[in-house]
Amino acid sequence: MKLAIVSGSSAGIGLATAKRFLDAGYRVVNLSRRRCPLAGIVDLRCDLSDPRFPDALAPQLSAHLEAASETVLIHNASRLSNDTADDTPSDDLRAVLEVNVVGINSLNRLAIPAMGAGSCVLFVASTLAEKAVPGSYSYVLTKHAQVGMMRALCQDLAGTGIHTACICPGFTDTEMLRAHVPPEAMDAVRGMSAFNRLIDPGEIAGALFWAAATPVINGSVIHANLGQIER
């Protein structure tokens, strides 16, 4: 049995990714505070902002991991705040770090010891993993951290047959984007793509599915942004 574990697959890129792997015959486990609306998904409640979540999740997840011949672990869940470097209280930064960095580390510690050769750990980061824009301080910081975590993981997993990669989407048509971009600014956002459109979540799901089956990209950062225009 092939297993795909996707954090935050109740909506957006995570939902499209869960569908892509489910359609390919994988058992798909959703780790999220909300249920995945797809039939056939295994929903395990998981709140990455709660430092105690591994204690409750471990016994539920272990049975799926033990039954799997290969596991794809996809770190998709993320928190985005509109904040700045000069005015973000440390407690607010810690809250974002808990979801975007520490929670990922906790999931890795739960899953990787049970993952065999042919498995992989994939990160859904952002174009902001390697650049910055104003007003997204904690998101930029933590997405840079995810790239570092992925690269370190690649080195530490050498010889295990487990590969890693980081997919960095551009502006994708998700609930998260629409919650943080005013409707009147959406045309300008579309215009930042060389194709003058938003990315469909299914396109990122396809990139993740390809990355899962392509160990030669081990340790790679892959930008999936339709060719973002820099201004």
C-alpha atoms as a PDB file:
ATOM      1  CA  MET A   1       0.000   0.000   0.000  1.00  0.00           C
ATOM      2  CA  LYS A   2       1.274   3.465  -0.947  1.00  0.00           C
ATOM      3  CA  LEU A   3       0.516   6.175   1.570  1.00  0.00           C
ATOM      4  CA  ALA A   4       0.294   9.951   1.162  1.00  0.00           C
ATOM      5  CA  ILE A   5       0.154  12.070   4.311  1.00  0.00           C
ATOM      6  CA  VAL A   6      -0.888  15.637   3.516  1.00  0.00           C
ATOM      7  CA  SER A   7      -1.157  18.351   6.133  1.00  0.00           C
ATOM      8  CA  GLY A   8      -3.903  20.883   5.521  1.00  0.00           C
ATOM      9  CA  SER A   9      -5.712  18.991   2.771  1.00  0.00           C
ATOM     10  CA  SER A  10      -9.134  20.351   3.666  1.00  0.00           C
ATOM     11  CA  ALA A  11      -8.832  23.166   1.093  1.00  0.00           C
ATOM     12  CA  GLY A  12      -6.672  24.792  -1.566  1.00  0.00           C
ATOM     13  CA  ILE A  13      -3.430  23.156  -2.676  1.00  0.00           C
ATOM     14  CA  GLY A  14      -3.778  20.485   0.003  1.00  0.00           C
ATOM     15  CA  LEU A  15      -7.229  19.463  -1.232  1.00  0.00           C
ATOM     16  CA  ALA A  16      -6.061  19.270  -4.843  1.00  0.00           C
ATOM     17  CA  THR A  17      -3.021  17.258  -3.746  1.00  0.00           C
ATOM     18  CA  ALA A  18      -5.113  14.807  -1.754  1.00  0.00           C
ATOM     19  CA  LYS A  19      -7.305  14.249  -4.820  1.00  0.00           C
ATOM     20  CA  ARG A  20      -4.297  13.727  -7.101  1.00  0.00           C
ATOM     21  CA  PHE A  21      -2.812  11.028  -4.895  1.00  0.00           C
ATOM     22  CA  LEU A  22      -6.187   9.448  -4.130  1.00  0.00           C
ATOM     23  CA  ASP A  23      -6.926   9.160  -7.856  1.00  0.00           C
ATOM     24  CA  ALA A  24      -3.570   7.401  -8.276  1.00  0.00           C
ATOM     25  CA  GLY A  25      -4.524   4.708  -5.775  1.00  0.00           C
ATOM     26  CA  TYR A  26      -2.776   5.995  -2.665  1.00  0.00           C
ATOM     27  CA  ARG A  27      -4.265   5.836   0.789  1.00  0.00           C
ATOM     28  CA  VAL A  28      -4.433   9.512   1.695  1.00  0.00           C
ATOM     29  CA  VAL A  29      -4.346  10.786   5.267  1.00  0.00           C
ATOM     30  CA  ASN A  30      -5.411  14.370   5.907  1.00  0.00           C
ATOM     31  CA  LEU A  31      -3.837  16.078   8.911  1.00  0.00           C
ATOM     32  CA  SER A  32      -5.923  19.151   9.565  1.00  0.00           C
ATOM     33  CA  ARG A  33      -8.249  20.912  11.968  1.00  0.00           C
ATOM     34  CA  ARG A  34     -10.987  20.562   9.317  1.00  0.00           C
ATOM     35  CA  ARG A  35     -12.235  17.497   7.484  1.00  0.00           C
ATOM     36  CA  CYS A  36     -11.311  16.936   3.864  1.00  0.00           C
ATOM     37  CA  PRO A  37     -14.480  17.031   1.711  1.00  0.00           C
ATOM     38  CA  LEU A  38     -13.293  14.168  -0.528  1.00  0.00           C
ATOM     39  CA  ALA A  39     -14.757  10.708  -0.077  1.00  0.00           C
ATOM     40  CA  GLY A  40     -12.185   8.048   0.715  1.00  0.00           C
ATOM     41  CA  ILE A  41      -9.803  10.285   2.669  1.00  0.00           C
ATOM     42  CA  VAL A  42      -8.653   9.312   6.170  1.00  0.00           C
ATOM     43  CA  ASP A  43      -9.144  12.375   8.367  1.00  0.00           C
ATOM     44  CA  LEU A  44      -6.946  12.687  11.443  1.00  0.00           C
ATOM     45  CA  ARG A  45      -7.547  15.844  13.443  1.00  0.00           C
ATOM     46  CA  CYS A  46      -4.302  17.718  13.827  1.00  0.00           C
ATOM     47  CA  ASP A  47      -3.658  21.244  15.080  1.00  0.00           C
ATOM     48  CA  LEU A  48      -0.038  22.114  14.321  1.00  0.00           C
ATOM     49  CA  SER A  49      -0.296  25.193  16.534  1.00  0.00           C
ATOM     50  CA  ASP A  50      -0.679  22.945  19.588  1.00  0.00           C
ATOM     51  CA  PRO A  51       2.741  21.708  20.784  1.00  0.00           C
ATOM     52  CA  ARG A  52       1.048  18.623  22.244  1.00  0.00           C
ATOM     53  CA  PHE A  53      -0.442  17.412  18.952  1.00  0.00           C
ATOM     54  CA  PRO A  54       2.147  14.610  18.410  1.00  0.00           C
ATOM     55  CA  ASP A  55       1.003  12.806  21.568  1.00  0.00           C
ATOM     56  CA  ALA A  56      -2.545  12.415  20.256  1.00  0.00           C
ATOM     57  CA  LEU A  57      -1.573  11.854  16.625  1.00  0.00           C
ATOM     58  CA  ALA A  58       1.138   9.210  17.034  1.00  0.00           C
ATOM     59  CA  PRO A  59      -1.067   6.187  17.840  1.00  0.00           C
ATOM     60  CA  GLN A  60      -3.509   7.036  15.022  1.00  0.00           C
ATOM     61  CA  LEU A  61      -0.848   7.630  12.391  1.00  0.00           C
ATOM     62  CA  SER A  62       1.420   4.708  13.221  1.00  0.00           C
ATOM     63  CA  ALA A  63      -0.969   2.040  11.901  1.00  0.00           C
ATOM     64  CA  HIS A  64      -1.060   3.701   8.482  1.00  0.00           C
ATOM     65  CA  LEU A  65       2.718   4.116   8.393  1.00  0.00           C
ATOM     66  CA  GLU A  66       3.354   0.509   9.365  1.00  0.00           C
ATOM     67  CA  ALA A  67       1.074  -0.764   6.590  1.00  0.00           C
ATOM     68  CA  ALA A  68       2.697   1.346   3.872  1.00  0.00           C
ATOM     69  CA  SER A  69       5.332   0.122   1.425  1.00  0.00           C
ATOM     70  CA  GLU A  70       6.134   3.734   0.483  1.00  0.00           C
ATOM     71  CA  THR A  71       5.100   6.988   2.124  1.00  0.00           C
ATOM     72  CA  VAL A  72       4.853  10.488   0.707  1.00  0.00           C
ATOM     73  CA  LEU A  73       4.854  13.051   3.522  1.00  0.00           C
ATOM     74  CA  ILE A  74       3.716  16.459   2.261  1.00  0.00           C
ATOM     75  CA  HIS A  75       4.077  19.508   4.482  1.00  0.00           C
ATOM     76  CA  ASN A  76       1.398  21.772   3.060  1.00  0.00           C
ATOM     77  CA  ALA A  77      -0.368  23.384   6.042  1.00  0.00           C
ATOM     78  CA  SER A  78       0.827  26.907   6.680  1.00  0.00           C
ATOM     79  CA  ARG A  79      -0.025  30.102   8.510  1.00  0.00           C
ATOM     80  CA  LEU A  80       0.147  33.497   6.792  1.00  0.00           C
ATOM     81  CA  SER A  81       0.013  36.766   8.696  1.00  0.00           C
ATOM     82  CA  ASN A  82       0.216  40.324   7.416  1.00  0.00           C
ATOM     83  CA  ASP A  83       3.057  41.585   9.613  1.00  0.00           C
ATOM     84  CA  THR A  84       6.297  43.515   9.430  1.00  0.00           C
ATOM     85  CA  ALA A  85       9.838  43.021  10.700  1.00  0.00           C
ATOM     86  CA  ASP A  86       9.753  46.156  12.816  1.00  0.00           C
ATOM     87  CA  ASP A  87       6.402  45.522  14.495  1.00  0.00           C
ATOM     88  CA  THR A  88       5.901  41.802  15.135  1.00  0.00           C
ATOM     89  CA  PRO A  89       5.774  40.786  18.817  1.00  0.00           C
ATOM     90  CA  SER A  90       7.884  37.740  19.557  1.00  0.00           C
ATOM     91  CA  ASP A  91       4.864  35.820  20.824  1.00  0.00           C
ATOM     92  CA  ASP A  92       3.153  36.353  17.452  1.00  0.00           C
ATOM     93  CA  LEU A  93       6.278  35.151  15.665  1.00  0.00           C
ATOM     94  CA  ARG A  94       6.435  32.074  17.887  1.00  0.00           C
ATOM     95  CA  ALA A  95       2.836  31.231  16.939  1.00  0.00           C
ATOM     96  CA  VAL A  96       3.699  31.256  13.241  1.00  0.00           C
ATOM     97  CA  LEU A  97       6.916  29.313  13.811  1.00  0.00           C
ATOM     98  CA  GLU A  98       4.912  26.665  15.685  1.00  0.00           C
ATOM     99  CA  VAL A  99       2.824  25.900  12.592  1.00  0.00           C
ATOM    100  CA  ASN A 100       5.260  26.598   9.762  1.00  0.00           C
ATOM    101  CA  VAL A 101       8.465  25.166  11.236  1.00  0.00           C
ATOM    102  CA  VAL A 102       8.176  23.411  14.612  1.00  0.00           C
ATOM    103  CA  GLY A 103       5.058  21.462  13.644  1.00  0.00           C
ATOM    104  CA  ILE A 104       6.811  20.202  10.518  1.00  0.00           C
ATOM    105  CA  ASN A 105       9.724  19.016  12.626  1.00  0.00           C
ATOM    106  CA  SER A 106       7.299  17.170  14.914  1.00  0.00           C
ATOM    107  CA  LEU A 107       5.638  15.454  11.955  1.00  0.00           C
ATOM    108  CA  ASN A 108       9.017  14.437  10.570  1.00  0.00           C
ATOM    109  CA  ARG A 109       9.972  12.872  13.891  1.00  0.00           C
ATOM    110  CA  LEU A 110       6.708  10.910  13.926  1.00  0.00           C
ATOM    111  CA  ALA A 111       6.781   9.685  10.357  1.00  0.00           C
ATOM    112  CA  ILE A 112      10.338   9.353   9.075  1.00  0.00           C
ATOM    113  CA  PRO A 113      11.438   6.481  11.360  1.00  0.00           C
ATOM    114  CA  ALA A 114       8.653   4.352   9.817  1.00  0.00           C
ATOM    115  CA  MET A 115       9.293   5.402   6.204  1.00  0.00           C
ATOM    116  CA  GLY A 116      11.221   3.025   3.943  1.00  0.00           C
ATOM    117  CA  ALA A 117      13.228   3.363   0.766  1.00  0.00           C
ATOM    118  CA  GLY A 118      11.228   4.919  -2.058  1.00  0.00           C
ATOM    119  CA  SER A 119       9.489   7.325   0.305  1.00  0.00           C
ATOM    120  CA  CYS A 120       9.854  11.098   0.262  1.00  0.00           C
ATOM    121  CA  VAL A 121       9.301  14.274   2.258  1.00  0.00           C
ATOM    122  CA  LEU A 122       7.955  17.201   0.251  1.00  0.00           C
ATOM    123  CA  PHE A 123       7.524  20.803   1.349  1.00  0.00           C
ATOM    124  CA  VAL A 124       5.026  23.286  -0.093  1.00  0.00           C
ATOM    125  CA  ALA A 125       6.834  26.564   0.396  1.00  0.00           C
ATOM    126  CA  SER A 126       6.425  29.716  -1.705  1.00  0.00           C
ATOM    127  CA  THR A 127       8.268  32.020  -4.072  1.00  0.00           C
ATOM    128  CA  LEU A 128       8.811  33.923  -0.811  1.00  0.00           C
ATOM    129  CA  ALA A 129      11.117  31.115   0.317  1.00  0.00           C
ATOM    130  CA  GLU A 130      13.930  32.757  -1.616  1.00  0.00           C
ATOM    131  CA  LYS A 131      12.944  36.425  -1.744  1.00  0.00           C
ATOM    132  CA  ALA A 132      10.873  38.871   0.294  1.00  0.00           C
ATOM    133  CA  VAL A 133       8.052  41.382  -0.043  1.00  0.00           C
ATOM    134  CA  PRO A 134       6.871  43.934   2.506  1.00  0.00           C
ATOM    135  CA  GLY A 135       4.138  43.021   4.973  1.00  0.00           C
ATOM    136  CA  SER A 136       4.745  39.265   5.150  1.00  0.00           C
ATOM    137  CA  TYR A 137       7.563  39.118   7.661  1.00  0.00           C
ATOM    138  CA  SER A 138       6.820  35.897   9.563  1.00  0.00           C
ATOM    139  CA  TYR A 139       5.695  34.072   6.411  1.00  0.00           C
ATOM    140  CA  VAL A 140       8.860  35.006   4.512  1.00  0.00           C
ATOM    141  CA  LEU A 141      11.024  34.051   7.485  1.00  0.00           C
ATOM    142  CA  THR A 142       9.410  30.651   7.984  1.00  0.00           C
ATOM    143  CA  LYS A 143       9.322  29.782   4.280  1.00  0.00           C
ATOM    144  CA  HIS A 144      13.066  30.454   4.106  1.00  0.00           C
ATOM    145  CA  ALA A 145      13.387  28.150   7.122  1.00  0.00           C
ATOM    146  CA  GLN A 146      11.468  25.390   5.317  1.00  0.00           C
ATOM    147  CA  VAL A 147      14.012  25.435   2.493  1.00  0.00           C
ATOM    148  CA  GLY A 148      16.806  25.086   5.024  1.00  0.00           C
ATOM    149  CA  MET A 149      14.991  22.244   6.763  1.00  0.00           C
ATOM    150  CA  MET A 150      14.446  20.425   3.476  1.00  0.00           C
ATOM    151  CA  ARG A 151      18.118  20.736   2.525  1.00  0.00           C
ATOM    152  CA  ALA A 152      19.306  19.596   5.953  1.00  0.00           C
ATOM    153  CA  LEU A 153      16.892  16.672   5.805  1.00  0.00           C
ATOM    154  CA  CYS A 154      18.321  15.661   2.427  1.00  0.00           C
ATOM    155  CA  GLN A 155      21.790  15.430   3.957  1.00  0.00           C
ATOM    156  CA  ASP A 156      20.728  13.623   7.106  1.00  0.00           C
ATOM    157  CA  LEU A 157      18.666  11.047   5.174  1.00  0.00           C
ATOM    158  CA  ALA A 158      21.504  10.149   2.798  1.00  0.00           C
ATOM    159  CA  GLY A 159      21.610   6.400   2.273  1.00  0.00           C
ATOM    160  CA  THR A 160      18.028   5.758   3.410  1.00  0.00           C
ATOM    161  CA  GLY A 161      16.425   5.886  -0.043  1.00  0.00           C
ATOM    162  CA  ILE A 162      14.156   8.719   1.103  1.00  0.00           C
ATOM    163  CA  HIS A 163      14.297  11.886  -0.992  1.00  0.00           C
ATOM    164  CA  THR A 164      13.244  15.449  -0.283  1.00  0.00           C
ATOM    165  CA  ALA A 165      12.176  18.446  -2.360  1.00  0.00           C
ATOM    166  CA  CYS A 166      10.558  21.827  -1.909  1.00  0.00           C
ATOM    167  CA  ILE A 167       7.900  23.055  -4.344  1.00  0.00           C
ATOM    168  CA  CYS A 168       7.532  26.843  -4.278  1.00  0.00           C
ATOM    169  CA  PRO A 169       4.187  27.966  -5.742  1.00  0.00           C
ATOM    170  CA  GLY A 170       3.550  31.431  -7.065  1.00  0.00           C
ATOM    171  CA  PHE A 171       0.179  33.148  -6.765  1.00  0.00           C
ATOM    172  CA  THR A 172      -2.270  30.254  -6.533  1.00  0.00           C
ATOM    173  CA  ASP A 173      -6.059  30.566  -6.560  1.00  0.00           C
ATOM    174  CA  THR A 174      -6.728  29.505  -2.970  1.00  0.00           C
ATOM    175  CA  GLU A 175      -8.764  30.661  -0.013  1.00  0.00           C
ATOM    176  CA  MET A 176      -5.562  31.837   1.662  1.00  0.00           C
ATOM    177  CA  LEU A 177      -4.644  34.102  -1.247  1.00  0.00           C
ATOM    178  CA  ARG A 178      -8.124  35.593  -1.484  1.00  0.00           C
ATOM    179  CA  ALA A 179      -8.172  36.214   2.269  1.00  0.00           C
ATOM    180  CA  HIS A 180      -4.986  38.279   2.058  1.00  0.00           C
ATOM    181  CA  VAL A 181      -5.328  40.029  -1.305  1.00  0.00           C
ATOM    182  CA  PRO A 182      -8.147  42.588  -1.670  1.00  0.00           C
ATOM    183  CA  PRO A 183     -10.423  41.956  -4.690  1.00  0.00           C
ATOM    184  CA  GLU A 184      -9.405  45.258  -6.245  1.00  0.00           C
ATOM    185  CA  ALA A 185      -5.746  44.134  -6.241  1.00  0.00           C
ATOM    186  CA  MET A 186      -6.337  40.727  -7.828  1.00  0.00           C
ATOM    187  CA  ASP A 187      -5.847  41.931 -11.416  1.00  0.00           C
ATOM    188  CA  ALA A 188      -2.436  43.291 -10.464  1.00  0.00           C
ATOM    189  CA  VAL A 189      -1.546  39.952  -8.877  1.00  0.00           C
ATOM    190  CA  ARG A 190      -2.545  38.092 -12.044  1.00  0.00           C
ATOM    191  CA  GLY A 191      -0.387  40.500 -14.006  1.00  0.00           C
ATOM    192  CA  MET A 192       2.673  39.401 -12.042  1.00  0.00           C
ATOM    193  CA  SER A 193       2.576  36.066 -13.889  1.00  0.00           C
ATOM    194  CA  ALA A 194       4.006  35.712 -17.395  1.00  0.00           C
ATOM    195  CA  PHE A 195       0.706  33.986 -18.240  1.00  0.00           C
ATOM    196  CA  ASN A 196      -1.419  36.768 -16.698  1.00  0.00           C
ATOM    197  CA  ARG A 197      -3.406  34.369 -14.529  1.00  0.00           C
ATOM    198  CA  LEU A 198      -3.453  32.686 -11.151  1.00  0.00           C
ATOM    199  CA  ILE A 199      -2.122  29.170 -10.770  1.00  0.00           C
ATOM    200  CA  ASP A 200      -4.720  26.429 -10.354  1.00  0.00           C
ATOM    201  CA  PRO A 201      -4.178  24.342  -7.189  1.00  0.00           C
ATOM    202  CA  GLY A 202      -4.266  21.225  -9.354  1.00  0.00           C
ATOM    203  CA  GLU A 203      -1.134  22.404 -11.135  1.00  0.00           C
ATOM    204  CA  ILE A 204       0.785  22.442  -7.857  1.00  0.00           C
ATOM    205  CA  ALA A 205      -0.694  19.054  -6.977  1.00  0.00           C
ATOM    206  CA  GLY A 206       0.671  17.730 -10.256  1.00  0.00           C
ATOM    207  CA  ALA A 207       4.118  19.118  -9.467  1.00  0.00           C
ATOM    208  CA  LEU A 208       4.057  17.433  -6.063  1.00  0.00           C
ATOM    209  CA  PHE A 209       2.963  14.121  -7.583  1.00  0.00           C
ATOM    210  CA  TRP A 210       5.834  14.334 -10.070  1.00  0.00           C
ATOM    211  CA  ALA A 211       8.315  15.224  -7.325  1.00  0.00           C
ATOM    212  CA  ALA A 212       7.219  12.234  -5.264  1.00  0.00           C
ATOM    213  CA  ALA A 213       8.170   9.888  -8.119  1.00  0.00           C
ATOM    214  CA  THR A 214      11.421  11.665  -9.039  1.00  0.00           C
ATOM    215  CA  PRO A 215      14.239  10.992  -6.556  1.00  0.00           C
ATOM    216  CA  VAL A 216      16.860  12.592  -8.800  1.00  0.00           C
ATOM    217  CA  ILE A 217      15.643  16.009  -7.554  1.00  0.00           C
ATOM    218  CA  ASN A 218      16.636  15.125  -3.989  1.00  0.00           C
ATOM    219  CA  GLY A 219      17.363  18.330  -2.079  1.00  0.00           C
ATOM    220  CA  SER A 220      15.988  20.572  -4.824  1.00  0.00           C
ATOM    221  CA  VAL A 221      13.979  23.774  -4.633  1.00  0.00           C
ATOM    222  CA  ILE A 222      11.531  23.930  -7.551  1.00  0.00           C
ATOM    223  CA  HIS A 223       9.704  27.148  -8.398  1.00  0.00           C
ATOM    224  CA  ALA A 224       6.207  26.581  -9.806  1.00  0.00           C
ATOM    225  CA  ASN A 225       5.058  30.118 -10.535  1.00  0.00           C
ATOM    226  CA  LEU A 226       4.231  30.373 -14.266  1.00  0.00           C
ATOM    227  CA  GLY A 227       7.242  32.643 -14.656  1.00  0.00           C
ATOM    228  CA  GLN A 228       6.797  35.415 -12.149  1.00  0.00           C
ATOM    229  CA  ILE A 229       7.441  38.908 -13.467  1.00  0.00           C
ATOM    230  CA  GLU A 230       9.669  40.914 -11.160  1.00  0.00           C
ATOM    231  CA  ARG A 231       8.936  44.614 -10.869  1.00  0.00           C
END
